[in-house]
Amino acid sequence: MMDEKILHHGRVTDRQGTGVGDALVYVVQGTASTPEIAVKCDAAGHFRLALPPGQFRIEARSMAGAVGSTEIEVSKGDEKIAITIDH
C-alpha cells in the first residue's frame, strides 16, 4: 500500500518578507519516511513539496548558507509552508 502524498506550496523569505530565490528546501525530520532530496525555490522563493500525512521539520538554506526552519503537521489538503531565514 502506497502512502498518499499531499502537494504543499510554500515560500522561503527573509526577515523583511522578501522571497529568497534559489534556496534549497528539505525535510530534516519526520514521522513518515520521505525521499532524501531537496527542492529548489524559484526566483521569488516559492516551492512545492509532496509529503505524506505526519509531522515534519523542514529547513531551507539560501545560496549564501543562511538557514531557517519550520515544523508542520500534514493532514489532508494543501498546507501553506512558510520558512523565514536570516541573511
N, C-alpha and C. Protein backbone atom coordinates (compact mmCIF):
# COMPACT_ATOMS: atom_id res chain seq x y z
N MET A 1 0.85 -1.19 0.00
CA MET A 1 0.00 0.00 0.00
C MET A 1 0.89 1.25 0.00
N MET A 2 0.61 2.14 -0.90
CA MET A 2 1.40 3.36 -1.02
C MET A 2 0.84 4.44 -0.10
N ASP A 3 1.73 5.19 0.53
CA ASP A 3 1.30 6.32 1.34
C ASP A 3 0.85 7.44 0.39
N GLU A 4 -0.29 8.02 0.69
CA GLU A 4 -0.76 9.13 -0.12
C GLU A 4 0.04 10.37 0.23
N LYS A 5 0.57 11.02 -0.80
CA LYS A 5 1.34 12.25 -0.58
C LYS A 5 0.47 13.45 -0.96
N ILE A 6 0.61 14.51 -0.23
CA ILE A 6 -0.17 15.72 -0.45
C ILE A 6 0.79 16.81 -0.90
N LEU A 7 0.45 17.49 -1.98
CA LEU A 7 1.31 18.55 -2.51
C LEU A 7 1.08 19.82 -1.70
N HIS A 8 2.15 20.39 -1.20
CA HIS A 8 2.09 21.62 -0.41
C HIS A 8 2.82 22.72 -1.15
N HIS A 9 2.36 23.93 -0.95
CA HIS A 9 3.00 25.11 -1.51
C HIS A 9 3.61 25.91 -0.38
N GLY A 10 4.76 26.49 -0.63
CA GLY A 10 5.41 27.27 0.40
C GLY A 10 6.27 28.37 -0.18
N ARG A 11 6.83 29.15 0.73
CA ARG A 11 7.71 30.24 0.32
C ARG A 11 8.78 30.45 1.37
N VAL A 12 9.98 30.66 0.91
CA VAL A 12 11.10 31.00 1.77
C VAL A 12 11.31 32.50 1.67
N THR A 13 11.32 33.17 2.83
CA THR A 13 11.51 34.62 2.86
C THR A 13 12.57 34.99 3.88
N ASP A 14 13.07 36.22 3.76
CA ASP A 14 13.97 36.73 4.79
C ASP A 14 13.13 37.47 5.84
N ARG A 15 13.76 38.05 6.83
CA ARG A 15 13.03 38.71 7.93
C ARG A 15 12.20 39.90 7.46
N GLN A 16 12.53 40.46 6.30
CA GLN A 16 11.76 41.59 5.77
C GLN A 16 10.60 41.12 4.89
N GLY A 17 10.46 39.81 4.69
CA GLY A 17 9.38 39.28 3.88
C GLY A 17 9.70 39.16 2.40
N THR A 18 10.96 39.39 2.04
CA THR A 18 11.38 39.27 0.65
C THR A 18 11.67 37.82 0.33
N GLY A 19 11.20 37.34 -0.82
CA GLY A 19 11.45 35.97 -1.23
C GLY A 19 12.93 35.70 -1.42
N VAL A 20 13.37 34.52 -1.00
CA VAL A 20 14.78 34.12 -1.15
C VAL A 20 14.86 33.16 -2.33
N GLY A 21 15.31 33.66 -3.45
CA GLY A 21 15.38 32.87 -4.67
C GLY A 21 16.45 31.79 -4.60
N ASP A 22 16.16 30.66 -5.25
CA ASP A 22 17.08 29.53 -5.39
C ASP A 22 17.49 28.87 -4.08
N ALA A 23 16.74 29.13 -3.00
CA ALA A 23 17.03 28.44 -1.73
C ALA A 23 16.67 26.96 -1.88
N LEU A 24 17.34 26.11 -1.12
CA LEU A 24 17.04 24.68 -1.12
C LEU A 24 16.18 24.35 0.10
N VAL A 25 15.12 23.57 -0.10
CA VAL A 25 14.19 23.20 0.96
C VAL A 25 14.22 21.68 1.10
N TYR A 26 14.34 21.19 2.34
CA TYR A 26 14.44 19.75 2.56
C TYR A 26 13.87 19.38 3.92
N VAL A 27 13.41 18.13 4.02
CA VAL A 27 12.86 17.60 5.27
C VAL A 27 14.02 17.06 6.10
N VAL A 28 14.15 17.52 7.35
CA VAL A 28 15.23 17.04 8.21
C VAL A 28 14.75 16.03 9.25
N GLN A 29 13.43 16.01 9.50
CA GLN A 29 12.90 15.09 10.50
C GLN A 29 11.42 14.90 10.20
N GLY A 30 10.93 13.67 10.38
CA GLY A 30 9.52 13.44 10.13
C GLY A 30 9.03 12.13 10.72
N THR A 31 7.71 12.04 10.92
CA THR A 31 7.11 10.83 11.47
C THR A 31 6.80 9.82 10.37
N ALA A 32 6.95 10.22 9.11
CA ALA A 32 6.77 9.31 7.98
C ALA A 32 8.00 9.43 7.09
N SER A 33 8.31 8.38 6.36
CA SER A 33 9.50 8.42 5.52
C SER A 33 9.29 9.37 4.34
N THR A 34 10.34 10.08 3.99
CA THR A 34 10.31 11.00 2.86
C THR A 34 11.57 10.78 2.05
N PRO A 35 11.52 11.07 0.76
CA PRO A 35 12.75 10.95 -0.03
C PRO A 35 13.77 11.98 0.45
N GLU A 36 15.02 11.59 0.46
CA GLU A 36 16.07 12.50 0.95
C GLU A 36 16.58 13.36 -0.20
N ILE A 37 15.71 14.23 -0.66
CA ILE A 37 16.07 15.15 -1.74
C ILE A 37 15.68 16.55 -1.32
N ALA A 38 16.28 17.51 -1.95
CA ALA A 38 15.93 18.91 -1.70
C ALA A 38 15.21 19.45 -2.93
N VAL A 39 14.30 20.38 -2.70
CA VAL A 39 13.67 21.07 -3.82
C VAL A 39 14.20 22.49 -3.85
N LYS A 40 14.32 23.03 -5.05
CA LYS A 40 14.87 24.37 -5.22
C LYS A 40 13.72 25.36 -5.42
N CYS A 41 13.82 26.48 -4.71
CA CYS A 41 12.82 27.54 -4.85
C CYS A 41 13.00 28.26 -6.19
N ASP A 42 11.92 28.90 -6.63
CA ASP A 42 12.03 29.75 -7.82
C ASP A 42 12.66 31.09 -7.42
N ALA A 43 12.73 32.01 -8.35
CA ALA A 43 13.40 33.29 -8.09
C ALA A 43 12.71 34.12 -7.00
N ALA A 44 11.40 33.85 -6.74
CA ALA A 44 10.66 34.60 -5.73
C ALA A 44 10.57 33.85 -4.41
N GLY A 45 11.24 32.68 -4.30
CA GLY A 45 11.25 31.92 -3.06
C GLY A 45 10.14 30.90 -2.93
N HIS A 46 9.32 30.71 -3.97
CA HIS A 46 8.21 29.74 -3.91
C HIS A 46 8.71 28.32 -4.20
N PHE A 47 8.08 27.33 -3.53
CA PHE A 47 8.41 25.94 -3.77
C PHE A 47 7.18 25.07 -3.60
N ARG A 48 7.27 23.83 -4.09
CA ARG A 48 6.24 22.82 -3.89
C ARG A 48 6.91 21.58 -3.33
N LEU A 49 6.23 20.93 -2.38
CA LEU A 49 6.79 19.77 -1.70
C LEU A 49 5.67 18.77 -1.44
N ALA A 50 5.85 17.52 -1.87
CA ALA A 50 4.85 16.48 -1.64
C ALA A 50 5.24 15.69 -0.40
N LEU A 51 4.32 15.64 0.57
CA LEU A 51 4.59 14.96 1.85
C LEU A 51 3.42 14.05 2.22
N PRO A 52 3.70 12.91 2.83
CA PRO A 52 2.63 12.07 3.37
C PRO A 52 2.13 12.68 4.68
N PRO A 53 0.96 12.25 5.17
CA PRO A 53 0.49 12.75 6.47
C PRO A 53 1.51 12.47 7.57
N GLY A 54 1.65 13.41 8.50
CA GLY A 54 2.59 13.25 9.60
C GLY A 54 3.09 14.60 10.07
N GLN A 55 4.10 14.58 10.95
CA GLN A 55 4.72 15.81 11.44
C GLN A 55 6.13 15.88 10.89
N PHE A 56 6.52 17.07 10.43
CA PHE A 56 7.80 17.24 9.77
C PHE A 56 8.50 18.52 10.21
N ARG A 57 9.82 18.46 10.24
CA ARG A 57 10.66 19.65 10.41
C ARG A 57 11.31 19.89 9.06
N ILE A 58 11.10 21.07 8.53
CA ILE A 58 11.59 21.41 7.19
C ILE A 58 12.56 22.57 7.31
N GLU A 59 13.68 22.44 6.63
CA GLU A 59 14.69 23.51 6.63
C GLU A 59 14.86 24.08 5.23
N ALA A 60 15.30 25.32 5.20
CA ALA A 60 15.66 25.98 3.95
C ALA A 60 17.04 26.56 4.11
N ARG A 61 17.81 26.49 3.04
CA ARG A 61 19.18 27.05 3.05
C ARG A 61 19.34 27.94 1.82
N SER A 62 19.74 29.18 2.07
CA SER A 62 19.95 30.11 0.96
C SER A 62 21.28 29.80 0.27
N MET A 63 21.46 30.37 -0.89
CA MET A 63 22.72 30.17 -1.63
C MET A 63 23.90 30.71 -0.82
N ALA A 64 23.65 31.69 0.07
CA ALA A 64 24.70 32.26 0.90
C ALA A 64 24.97 31.43 2.16
N GLY A 65 24.16 30.37 2.37
CA GLY A 65 24.40 29.49 3.51
C GLY A 65 23.55 29.77 4.74
N ALA A 66 22.66 30.78 4.68
CA ALA A 66 21.78 31.07 5.81
C ALA A 66 20.70 29.99 5.89
N VAL A 67 20.31 29.62 7.11
CA VAL A 67 19.37 28.53 7.31
C VAL A 67 18.16 29.00 8.13
N GLY A 68 17.00 28.48 7.80
CA GLY A 68 15.78 28.70 8.57
C GLY A 68 15.00 27.40 8.59
N SER A 69 14.09 27.25 9.54
CA SER A 69 13.32 26.01 9.60
C SER A 69 11.93 26.27 10.15
N THR A 70 11.05 25.30 9.96
CA THR A 70 9.70 25.35 10.49
C THR A 70 9.25 23.92 10.76
N GLU A 71 8.25 23.78 11.61
CA GLU A 71 7.66 22.47 11.87
C GLU A 71 6.21 22.52 11.44
N ILE A 72 5.76 21.49 10.72
CA ILE A 72 4.38 21.45 10.26
C ILE A 72 3.77 20.10 10.56
N GLU A 73 2.45 20.08 10.65
CA GLU A 73 1.71 18.83 10.75
C GLU A 73 0.89 18.70 9.48
N VAL A 74 1.11 17.62 8.75
CA VAL A 74 0.42 17.39 7.49
C VAL A 74 -0.78 16.50 7.76
N SER A 75 -1.94 16.96 7.37
CA SER A 75 -3.13 16.11 7.45
C SER A 75 -3.68 15.99 6.03
N LYS A 76 -4.83 16.51 5.79
CA LYS A 76 -5.37 16.48 4.43
C LYS A 76 -5.41 17.89 3.88
N GLY A 77 -5.18 18.01 2.59
CA GLY A 77 -5.26 19.32 1.96
C GLY A 77 -3.92 20.01 1.91
N ASP A 78 -3.90 21.10 1.19
CA ASP A 78 -2.67 21.85 0.94
C ASP A 78 -2.35 22.74 2.14
N GLU A 79 -1.24 22.46 2.78
CA GLU A 79 -0.74 23.31 3.86
C GLU A 79 0.19 24.35 3.25
N LYS A 80 0.06 25.58 3.67
CA LYS A 80 1.00 26.60 3.23
C LYS A 80 2.20 26.56 4.16
N ILE A 81 3.36 26.38 3.61
CA ILE A 81 4.59 26.26 4.40
C ILE A 81 5.37 27.57 4.27
N ALA A 82 5.61 28.22 5.40
CA ALA A 82 6.37 29.47 5.40
C ALA A 82 7.66 29.24 6.19
N ILE A 83 8.78 29.54 5.56
CA ILE A 83 10.09 29.42 6.21
C ILE A 83 10.79 30.76 6.11
N THR A 84 11.25 31.26 7.26
CA THR A 84 11.98 32.53 7.30
C THR A 84 13.44 32.24 7.63
N ILE A 85 14.33 32.85 6.84
CA ILE A 85 15.76 32.68 7.12
C ILE A 85 16.39 34.04 7.35
N ASP A 86 17.48 34.03 8.08
CA ASP A 86 18.27 35.25 8.30
C ASP A 86 19.37 35.31 7.27
N HIS A 87 19.50 36.44 6.60
CA HIS A 87 20.59 36.59 5.62
C HIS A 87 21.84 37.03 6.33
